[in-house]
Amino acid sequence: MMQLRSRYLSSLVLAVGLLVAGCGQEIKKENEQLKGQVTILQKENADLKAESVTLKGENEAMKKELEEMKAQMEQMQQKMKGTRMGRPAKNK
C-alpha cells in the first residue's frame, strides 16, 4: 500500500511537472508577444505626445492670427464708418 501511494504520488508529481513545463513555454511565448505589444504602444504613445505638442503650438499660432485678423477687421470697419460720415448723403 505504501508503494502504491508512493507510485501515485510520483506519477502526480511527474504529471504536474510536465504540465507546468508545457505551460511555462506557453507563458514565455505570450510574455514575448506582450513585450512586443508594449514596445509598439510606447512608440505610438511617444508619437502621439509629440503630435499633441505640435498641434498645441499650431493652435496657439492660429489663435494669435485670428486676433490679429479681428483687429484688422475692426480697423477697416472704423475707416469705413469714417469715410461714410465725410460723404454727402445719397439722393434717392
PDB file of N, CA and C in Angstrom:
ATOM      1  N   MET A   1       0.828  -1.185   0.000  1.00  0.00           N
ATOM      2  CA  MET A   1       0.000   0.000   0.000  1.00  0.00           C
ATOM      3  C   MET A   1       0.875   1.253   0.000  1.00  0.00           C
ATOM      4  N   MET A   2       1.941   1.202   0.725  1.00  0.00           N
ATOM      5  CA  MET A   2       2.861   2.323   0.796  1.00  0.00           C
ATOM      6  C   MET A   2       3.500   2.553  -0.578  1.00  0.00           C
ATOM      7  N   GLN A   3       3.831   1.437  -1.273  1.00  0.00           N
ATOM      8  CA  GLN A   3       4.429   1.549  -2.596  1.00  0.00           C
ATOM      9  C   GLN A   3       3.414   2.117  -3.599  1.00  0.00           C
ATOM     10  N   LEU A   4       2.179   1.732  -3.464  1.00  0.00           N
ATOM     11  CA  LEU A   4       1.129   2.223  -4.344  1.00  0.00           C
ATOM     12  C   LEU A   4       0.965   3.730  -4.172  1.00  0.00           C
ATOM     13  N   ARG A   5       0.942   4.161  -2.929  1.00  0.00           N
ATOM     14  CA  ARG A   5       0.800   5.589  -2.633  1.00  0.00           C
ATOM     15  C   ARG A   5       2.023   6.337  -3.160  1.00  0.00           C
ATOM     16  N   SER A   6       3.195   5.746  -2.997  1.00  0.00           N
ATOM     17  CA  SER A   6       4.429   6.364  -3.464  1.00  0.00           C
ATOM     18  C   SER A   6       4.420   6.480  -4.986  1.00  0.00           C
ATOM     19  N   ARG A   7       3.985   5.440  -5.679  1.00  0.00           N
ATOM     20  CA  ARG A   7       3.888   5.481  -7.134  1.00  0.00           C
ATOM     21  C   ARG A   7       2.858   6.521  -7.587  1.00  0.00           C
ATOM     22  N   TYR A   8       1.741   6.554  -6.892  1.00  0.00           N
ATOM     23  CA  TYR A   8       0.673   7.516  -7.221  1.00  0.00           C
ATOM     24  C   TYR A   8       1.195   8.934  -7.039  1.00  0.00           C
ATOM     25  N   LEU A   9       1.875   9.159  -5.946  1.00  0.00           N
ATOM     26  CA  LEU A   9       2.417  10.477  -5.653  1.00  0.00           C
ATOM     27  C   LEU A   9       3.494  10.842  -6.677  1.00  0.00           C
ATOM     28  N   SER A  10       4.331   9.906  -7.033  1.00  0.00           N
ATOM     29  CA  SER A  10       5.374  10.150  -8.038  1.00  0.00           C
ATOM     30  C   SER A  10       4.744  10.469  -9.388  1.00  0.00           C
ATOM     31  N   SER A  11       3.729   9.737  -9.752  1.00  0.00           N
ATOM     32  CA  SER A  11       3.040   9.980 -11.020  1.00  0.00           C
ATOM     33  C   SER A  11       2.382  11.354 -11.013  1.00  0.00           C
ATOM     34  N   LEU A  12       1.796  11.693  -9.894  1.00  0.00           N
ATOM     35  CA  LEU A  12       1.142  13.001  -9.763  1.00  0.00           C
ATOM     36  C   LEU A  12       2.163  14.119  -9.879  1.00  0.00           C
ATOM     37  N   VAL A  13       3.291  13.978  -9.218  1.00  0.00           N
ATOM     38  CA  VAL A  13       4.347  14.992  -9.280  1.00  0.00           C
ATOM     39  C   VAL A  13       4.868  15.109 -10.706  1.00  0.00           C
ATOM     40  N   LEU A  14       5.070  13.984 -11.379  1.00  0.00           N
ATOM     41  CA  LEU A  14       5.547  13.986 -12.757  1.00  0.00           C
ATOM     42  C   LEU A  14       4.544  14.664 -13.685  1.00  0.00           C
ATOM     43  N   ALA A  15       3.259  14.351 -13.522  1.00  0.00           N
ATOM     44  CA  ALA A  15       2.209  14.951 -14.351  1.00  0.00           C
ATOM     45  C   ALA A  15       2.149  16.457 -14.143  1.00  0.00           C
ATOM     46  N   VAL A  16       2.203  16.891 -12.903  1.00  0.00           N
ATOM     47  CA  VAL A  16       2.176  18.329 -12.601  1.00  0.00           C
ATOM     48  C   VAL A  16       3.423  18.986 -13.162  1.00  0.00           C
ATOM     49  N   GLY A  17       4.556  18.345 -13.043  1.00  0.00           N
ATOM     50  CA  GLY A  17       5.806  18.894 -13.582  1.00  0.00           C
ATOM     51  C   GLY A  17       5.742  19.074 -15.089  1.00  0.00           C
ATOM     52  N   LEU A  18       5.237  18.066 -15.788  1.00  0.00           N
ATOM     53  CA  LEU A  18       5.109  18.169 -17.245  1.00  0.00           C
ATOM     54  C   LEU A  18       4.110  19.247 -17.640  1.00  0.00           C
ATOM     55  N   LEU A  19       3.040  19.342 -16.906  1.00  0.00           N
ATOM     56  CA  LEU A  19       2.020  20.349 -17.175  1.00  0.00           C
ATOM     57  C   LEU A  19       2.589  21.752 -16.991  1.00  0.00           C
ATOM     58  N   VAL A  20       3.320  21.926 -15.915  1.00  0.00           N
ATOM     59  CA  VAL A  20       3.918  23.234 -15.639  1.00  0.00           C
ATOM     60  C   VAL A  20       4.972  23.568 -16.684  1.00  0.00           C
ATOM     61  N   ALA A  21       5.762  22.581 -17.076  1.00  0.00           N
ATOM     62  CA  ALA A  21       6.793  22.817 -18.089  1.00  0.00           C
ATOM     63  C   ALA A  21       6.157  23.226 -19.415  1.00  0.00           C
ATOM     64  N   GLY A  22       5.084  22.593 -19.793  1.00  0.00           N
ATOM     65  CA  GLY A  22       4.376  22.948 -21.025  1.00  0.00           C
ATOM     66  C   GLY A  22       3.770  24.329 -20.937  1.00  0.00           C
ATOM     67  N   CYS A  23       3.175  24.647 -19.812  1.00  0.00           N
ATOM     68  CA  CYS A  23       2.581  25.968 -19.619  1.00  0.00           C
ATOM     69  C   CYS A  23       3.666  27.035 -19.561  1.00  0.00           C
ATOM     70  N   GLY A  24       4.824  26.662 -19.038  1.00  0.00           N
ATOM     71  CA  GLY A  24       5.925  27.618 -18.943  1.00  0.00           C
ATOM     72  C   GLY A  24       6.337  28.126 -20.307  1.00  0.00           C
ATOM     73  N   GLN A  25       6.424  27.238 -21.294  1.00  0.00           N
ATOM     74  CA  GLN A  25       6.780  27.649 -22.641  1.00  0.00           C
ATOM     75  C   GLN A  25       5.707  28.554 -23.231  1.00  0.00           C
ATOM     76  N   GLU A  26       4.466  28.195 -22.981  1.00  0.00           N
ATOM     77  CA  GLU A  26       3.348  28.998 -23.495  1.00  0.00           C
ATOM     78  C   GLU A  26       3.351  30.381 -22.851  1.00  0.00           C
ATOM     79  N   ILE A  27       3.629  30.419 -21.557  1.00  0.00           N
ATOM     80  CA  ILE A  27       3.677  31.701 -20.843  1.00  0.00           C
ATOM     81  C   ILE A  27       4.825  32.551 -21.366  1.00  0.00           C
ATOM     82  N   LYS A  28       5.978  31.912 -21.622  1.00  0.00           N
ATOM     83  CA  LYS A  28       7.122  32.661 -22.155  1.00  0.00           C
ATOM     84  C   LYS A  28       6.785  33.245 -23.525  1.00  0.00           C
ATOM     85  N   LYS A  29       6.127  32.457 -24.355  1.00  0.00           N
ATOM     86  CA  LYS A  29       5.740  32.925 -25.690  1.00  0.00           C
ATOM     87  C   LYS A  29       4.781  34.115 -25.582  1.00  0.00           C
ATOM     88  N   GLU A  30       3.789  33.973 -24.717  1.00  0.00           N
ATOM     89  CA  GLU A  30       2.822  35.061 -24.523  1.00  0.00           C
ATOM     90  C   GLU A  30       3.521  36.299 -23.957  1.00  0.00           C
ATOM     91  N   ASN A  31       4.461  36.088 -23.050  1.00  0.00           N
ATOM     92  CA  ASN A  31       5.199  37.193 -22.446  1.00  0.00           C
ATOM     93  C   ASN A  31       5.986  37.954 -23.520  1.00  0.00           C
ATOM     94  N   GLU A  32       6.624  37.233 -24.437  1.00  0.00           N
ATOM     95  CA  GLU A  32       7.373  37.878 -25.514  1.00  0.00           C
ATOM     96  C   GLU A  32       6.441  38.665 -26.433  1.00  0.00           C
ATOM     97  N   GLN A  33       5.265  38.113 -26.713  1.00  0.00           N
ATOM     98  CA  GLN A  33       4.288  38.832 -27.542  1.00  0.00           C
ATOM     99  C   GLN A  33       3.837  40.112 -26.845  1.00  0.00           C
ATOM    100  N   LEU A  34       3.600  40.008 -25.554  1.00  0.00           N
ATOM    101  CA  LEU A  34       3.164  41.187 -24.806  1.00  0.00           C
ATOM    102  C   LEU A  34       4.266  42.240 -24.737  1.00  0.00           C
ATOM    103  N   LYS A  35       5.508  41.806 -24.610  1.00  0.00           N
ATOM    104  CA  LYS A  35       6.621  42.755 -24.610  1.00  0.00           C
ATOM    105  C   LYS A  35       6.676  43.504 -25.938  1.00  0.00           C
ATOM    106  N   GLY A  36       6.448  42.782 -27.035  1.00  0.00           N
ATOM    107  CA  GLY A  36       6.424  43.423 -28.349  1.00  0.00           C
ATOM    108  C   GLY A  36       5.296  44.433 -28.463  1.00  0.00           C
ATOM    109  N   GLN A  37       4.140  44.064 -27.948  1.00  0.00           N
ATOM    110  CA  GLN A  37       2.993  44.984 -27.985  1.00  0.00           C
ATOM    111  C   GLN A  37       3.263  46.221 -27.131  1.00  0.00           C
ATOM    112  N   VAL A  38       3.889  46.036 -25.979  1.00  0.00           N
ATOM    113  CA  VAL A  38       4.209  47.167 -25.107  1.00  0.00           C
ATOM    114  C   VAL A  38       5.169  48.118 -25.820  1.00  0.00           C
ATOM    115  N   THR A  39       6.165  47.567 -26.497  1.00  0.00           N
ATOM    116  CA  THR A  39       7.123  48.394 -27.233  1.00  0.00           C
ATOM    117  C   THR A  39       6.415  49.220 -28.303  1.00  0.00           C
ATOM    118  N   ILE A  40       5.531  48.576 -29.039  1.00  0.00           N
ATOM    119  CA  ILE A  40       4.774  49.283 -30.081  1.00  0.00           C
ATOM    120  C   ILE A  40       3.909  50.378 -29.471  1.00  0.00           C
ATOM    121  N   LEU A  41       3.224  50.064 -28.384  1.00  0.00           N
ATOM    122  CA  LEU A  41       2.348  51.052 -27.740  1.00  0.00           C
ATOM    123  C   LEU A  41       3.144  52.214 -27.155  1.00  0.00           C
ATOM    124  N   GLN A  42       4.331  51.935 -26.634  1.00  0.00           N
ATOM    125  CA  GLN A  42       5.165  53.015 -26.103  1.00  0.00           C
ATOM    126  C   GLN A  42       5.594  53.955 -27.221  1.00  0.00           C
ATOM    127  N   LYS A  43       5.927  53.398 -28.379  1.00  0.00           N
ATOM    128  CA  LYS A  43       6.308  54.243 -29.516  1.00  0.00           C
ATOM    129  C   LYS A  43       5.116  55.067 -29.983  1.00  0.00           C
ATOM    130  N   GLU A  44       3.957  54.436 -30.090  1.00  0.00           N
ATOM    131  CA  GLU A  44       2.749  55.170 -30.500  1.00  0.00           C
ATOM    132  C   GLU A  44       2.446  56.286 -29.504  1.00  0.00           C
ATOM    133  N   ASN A  45       2.616  56.000 -28.220  1.00  0.00           N
ATOM    134  CA  ASN A  45       2.365  56.995 -27.187  1.00  0.00           C
ATOM    135  C   ASN A  45       3.311  58.186 -27.340  1.00  0.00           C
ATOM    136  N   ALA A  46       4.591  57.915 -27.569  1.00  0.00           N
ATOM    137  CA  ALA A  46       5.562  58.993 -27.758  1.00  0.00           C
ATOM    138  C   ALA A  46       5.216  59.805 -29.005  1.00  0.00           C
ATOM    139  N   ASP A  47       4.831  59.132 -30.076  1.00  0.00           N
ATOM    140  CA  ASP A  47       4.446  59.825 -31.308  1.00  0.00           C
ATOM    141  C   ASP A  47       3.237  60.723 -31.086  1.00  0.00           C
ATOM    142  N   LEU A  48       2.249  60.205 -30.355  1.00  0.00           N
ATOM    143  CA  LEU A  48       1.045  60.994 -30.082  1.00  0.00           C
ATOM    144  C   LEU A  48       1.348  62.195 -29.195  1.00  0.00           C
ATOM    145  N   LYS A  49       2.243  62.020 -28.240  1.00  0.00           N
ATOM    146  CA  LYS A  49       2.627  63.149 -27.389  1.00  0.00           C
ATOM    147  C   LYS A  49       3.297  64.229 -28.221  1.00  0.00           C
ATOM    148  N   ALA A  50       4.188  63.828 -29.115  1.00  0.00           N
ATOM    149  CA  ALA A  50       4.868  64.798 -29.980  1.00  0.00           C
ATOM    150  C   ALA A  50       3.863  65.512 -30.881  1.00  0.00           C
ATOM    151  N   GLU A  51       2.931  64.758 -31.432  1.00  0.00           N
ATOM    152  CA  GLU A  51       1.909  65.359 -32.288  1.00  0.00           C
ATOM    153  C   GLU A  51       1.033  66.332 -31.497  1.00  0.00           C
ATOM    154  N   SER A  52       0.741  65.974 -30.265  1.00  0.00           N
ATOM    155  CA  SER A  52      -0.067  66.829 -29.404  1.00  0.00           C
ATOM    156  C   SER A  52       0.643  68.163 -29.155  1.00  0.00           C
ATOM    157  N   VAL A  53       1.940  68.102 -28.892  1.00  0.00           N
ATOM    158  CA  VAL A  53       2.710  69.330 -28.670  1.00  0.00           C
ATOM    159  C   VAL A  53       2.693  70.193 -29.927  1.00  0.00           C
ATOM    160  N   THR A  54       2.868  69.562 -31.080  1.00  0.00           N
ATOM    161  CA  THR A  54       2.841  70.291 -32.351  1.00  0.00           C
ATOM    162  C   THR A  54       1.483  70.951 -32.572  1.00  0.00           C
ATOM    163  N   LEU A  55       0.414  70.193 -32.326  1.00  0.00           N
ATOM    164  CA  LEU A  55      -0.935  70.737 -32.525  1.00  0.00           C
ATOM    165  C   LEU A  55      -1.232  71.877 -31.561  1.00  0.00           C
ATOM    166  N   LYS A  56      -0.750  71.771 -30.339  1.00  0.00           N
ATOM    167  CA  LYS A  56      -0.953  72.866 -29.384  1.00  0.00           C
ATOM    168  C   LYS A  56      -0.265  74.133 -29.872  1.00  0.00           C
ATOM    169  N   GLY A  57       0.942  73.979 -30.405  1.00  0.00           N
ATOM    170  CA  GLY A  57       1.667  75.137 -30.938  1.00  0.00           C
ATOM    171  C   GLY A  57       0.937  75.751 -32.121  1.00  0.00           C
ATOM    172  N   GLU A  58       0.455  74.895 -33.014  1.00  0.00           N
ATOM    173  CA  GLU A  58      -0.300  75.392 -34.172  1.00  0.00           C
ATOM    174  C   GLU A  58      -1.581  76.080 -33.726  1.00  0.00           C
ATOM    175  N   ASN A  59      -2.236  75.538 -32.719  1.00  0.00           N
ATOM    176  CA  ASN A  59      -3.467  76.124 -32.195  1.00  0.00           C
ATOM    177  C   ASN A  59      -3.204  77.526 -31.640  1.00  0.00           C
ATOM    178  N   GLU A  60      -2.126  77.661 -30.884  1.00  0.00           N
ATOM    179  CA  GLU A  60      -1.792  78.975 -30.321  1.00  0.00           C
ATOM    180  C   GLU A  60      -1.480  79.975 -31.439  1.00  0.00           C
ATOM    181  N   ALA A  61      -0.765  79.530 -32.455  1.00  0.00           N
ATOM    182  CA  ALA A  61      -0.437  80.416 -33.580  1.00  0.00           C
ATOM    183  C   ALA A  61      -1.709  80.854 -34.313  1.00  0.00           C
ATOM    184  N   MET A  62      -2.642  79.921 -34.483  1.00  0.00           N
ATOM    185  CA  MET A  62      -3.900  80.256 -35.164  1.00  0.00           C
ATOM    186  C   MET A  62      -4.746  81.215 -34.318  1.00  0.00           C
ATOM    187  N   LYS A  63      -4.729  81.046 -33.014  1.00  0.00           N
ATOM    188  CA  LYS A  63      -5.464  81.969 -32.142  1.00  0.00           C
ATOM    189  C   LYS A  63      -4.899  83.380 -32.274  1.00  0.00           C
ATOM    190  N   LYS A  64      -3.567  83.472 -32.298  1.00  0.00           N
ATOM    191  CA  LYS A  64      -2.913  84.778 -32.434  1.00  0.00           C
ATOM    192  C   LYS A  64      -3.275  85.404 -33.783  1.00  0.00           C
ATOM    193  N   GLU A  65      -3.224  84.589 -34.832  1.00  0.00           N
ATOM    194  CA  GLU A  65      -3.564  85.076 -36.168  1.00  0.00           C
ATOM    195  C   GLU A  65      -5.019  85.547 -36.222  1.00  0.00           C
ATOM    196  N   LEU A  66      -5.915  84.819 -35.582  1.00  0.00           N
ATOM    197  CA  LEU A  66      -7.327  85.195 -35.546  1.00  0.00           C
ATOM    198  C   LEU A  66      -7.510  86.542 -34.844  1.00  0.00           C
ATOM    199  N   GLU A  67      -6.822  86.724 -33.734  1.00  0.00           N
ATOM    200  CA  GLU A  67      -6.925  88.000 -33.009  1.00  0.00           C
ATOM    201  C   GLU A  67      -6.407  89.157 -33.860  1.00  0.00           C
ATOM    202  N   GLU A  68      -5.319  88.910 -34.587  1.00  0.00           N
ATOM    203  CA  GLU A  68      -4.782  89.952 -35.474  1.00  0.00           C
ATOM    204  C   GLU A  68      -5.777  90.278 -36.573  1.00  0.00           C
ATOM    205  N   MET A  69      -6.420  89.269 -37.129  1.00  0.00           N
ATOM    206  CA  MET A  69      -7.411  89.488 -38.190  1.00  0.00           C
ATOM    207  C   MET A  69      -8.623  90.252 -37.655  1.00  0.00           C
ATOM    208  N   LYS A  70      -9.031  89.913 -36.444  1.00  0.00           N
ATOM    209  CA  LYS A  70     -10.163  90.642 -35.841  1.00  0.00           C
ATOM    210  C   LYS A  70      -9.806  92.115 -35.659  1.00  0.00           C
ATOM    211  N   ALA A  71      -8.575  92.368 -35.230  1.00  0.00           N
ATOM    212  CA  ALA A  71      -8.137  93.756 -35.045  1.00  0.00           C
ATOM    213  C   ALA A  71      -8.108  94.485 -36.385  1.00  0.00           C
ATOM    214  N   GLN A  72      -7.617  93.825 -37.433  1.00  0.00           N
ATOM    215  CA  GLN A  72      -7.598  94.435 -38.768  1.00  0.00           C
ATOM    216  C   GLN A  72      -9.012  94.719 -39.251  1.00  0.00           C
ATOM    217  N   MET A  73      -9.914  93.784 -39.007  1.00  0.00           N
ATOM    218  CA  MET A  73     -11.301  93.960 -39.426  1.00  0.00           C
ATOM    219  C   MET A  73     -11.923  95.153 -38.698  1.00  0.00           C
ATOM    220  N   GLU A  74     -11.633  95.266 -37.426  1.00  0.00           N
ATOM    221  CA  GLU A  74     -12.162  96.389 -36.642  1.00  0.00           C
ATOM    222  C   GLU A  74     -11.624  97.713 -37.194  1.00  0.00           C
ATOM    223  N   GLN A  75     -10.347  97.757 -37.536  1.00  0.00           N
ATOM    224  CA  GLN A  75      -9.759  98.979 -38.110  1.00  0.00           C
ATOM    225  C   GLN A  75     -10.410  99.313 -39.442  1.00  0.00           C
ATOM    226  N   MET A  76     -10.646  98.309 -40.269  1.00  0.00           N
ATOM    227  CA  MET A  76     -11.280  98.538 -41.562  1.00  0.00           C
ATOM    228  C   MET A  76     -12.706  99.059 -41.390  1.00  0.00           C
ATOM    229  N   GLN A  77     -13.425  98.496 -40.411  1.00  0.00           N
ATOM    230  CA  GLN A  77     -14.792  98.960 -40.161  1.00  0.00           C
ATOM    231  C   GLN A  77     -14.786 100.405 -39.684  1.00  0.00           C
ATOM    232  N   GLN A  78     -13.813 100.755 -38.862  1.00  0.00           N
ATOM    233  CA  GLN A  78     -13.721 102.141 -38.386  1.00  0.00           C
ATOM    234  C   GLN A  78     -13.412 103.085 -39.547  1.00  0.00           C
ATOM    235  N   LYS A  79     -12.534 102.675 -40.457  1.00  0.00           N
ATOM    236  CA  LYS A  79     -12.222 103.501 -41.624  1.00  0.00           C
ATOM    237  C   LYS A  79     -13.449 103.687 -42.499  1.00  0.00           C
ATOM    238  N   MET A  80     -14.213 102.584 -42.661  1.00  0.00           N
ATOM    239  CA  MET A  80     -15.415 102.665 -43.492  1.00  0.00           C
ATOM    240  C   MET A  80     -16.428 103.609 -42.869  1.00  0.00           C
ATOM    241  N   LYS A  81     -16.590 103.570 -41.580  1.00  0.00           N
ATOM    242  CA  LYS A  81     -17.527 104.480 -40.897  1.00  0.00           C
ATOM    243  C   LYS A  81     -17.071 105.916 -41.062  1.00  0.00           C
ATOM    244  N   GLY A  82     -15.767 106.130 -40.959  1.00  0.00           N
ATOM    245  CA  GLY A  82     -15.215 107.482 -41.094  1.00  0.00           C
ATOM    246  C   GLY A  82     -15.411 108.033 -42.492  1.00  0.00           C
ATOM    247  N   THR A  83     -15.244 107.224 -43.510  1.00  0.00           N
ATOM    248  CA  THR A  83     -15.410 107.711 -44.882  1.00  0.00           C
ATOM    249  C   THR A  83     -16.869 107.922 -45.210  1.00  0.00           C
ATOM    250  N   ARG A  84     -17.766 107.188 -44.622  1.00  0.00           N
ATOM    251  CA  ARG A  84     -19.197 107.383 -44.855  1.00  0.00           C
ATOM    252  C   ARG A  84     -19.662 108.699 -44.260  1.00  0.00           C
ATOM    253  N   MET A  85     -19.151 109.021 -43.098  1.00  0.00           N
ATOM    254  CA  MET A  85     -19.574 110.268 -42.432  1.00  0.00           C
ATOM    255  C   MET A  85     -19.100 111.495 -43.189  1.00  0.00           C
ATOM    256  N   GLY A  86     -17.985 111.414 -43.852  1.00  0.00           N
ATOM    257  CA  GLY A  86     -17.449 112.540 -44.599  1.00  0.00           C
ATOM    258  C   GLY A  86     -18.118 112.766 -45.936  1.00  0.00           C
ATOM    259  N   ARG A  87     -18.876 111.835 -46.435  1.00  0.00           N
ATOM    260  CA  ARG A  87     -19.520 111.935 -47.743  1.00  0.00           C
ATOM    261  C   ARG A  87     -20.926 112.501 -47.593  1.00  0.00           C
ATOM    262  N   PRO A  88     -21.374 113.158 -48.624  1.00  0.00           N
ATOM    263  CA  PRO A  88     -22.756 113.635 -48.584  1.00  0.00           C
ATOM    264  C   PRO A  88     -23.727 112.465 -48.736  1.00  0.00           C
ATOM    265  N   ALA A  89     -24.918 112.614 -48.229  1.00  0.00           N
ATOM    266  CA  ALA A  89     -25.930 111.559 -48.295  1.00  0.00           C
ATOM    267  C   ALA A  89     -26.331 111.363 -49.745  1.00  0.00           C
ATOM    268  N   LYS A  90     -26.631 110.151 -50.093  1.00  0.00           N
ATOM    269  CA  LYS A  90     -27.048 109.828 -51.457  1.00  0.00           C
ATOM    270  C   LYS A  90     -28.477 110.272 -51.671  1.00  0.00           C
ATOM    271  N   ASN A  91     -28.782 110.725 -52.873  1.00  0.00           N
ATOM    272  CA  ASN A  91     -30.161 111.091 -53.245  1.00  0.00           C
ATOM    273  C   ASN A  91     -30.897 109.856 -53.668  1.00  0.00           C
ATOM    274  N   LYS A  92     -32.126 109.749 -53.239  1.00  0.00           N
ATOM    275  CA  LYS A  92     -32.920 108.588 -53.630  1.00  0.00           C
ATOM    276  C   LYS A  92     -33.910 108.951 -54.667  1.00  0.00           C
TER     277      LYS A  92
END
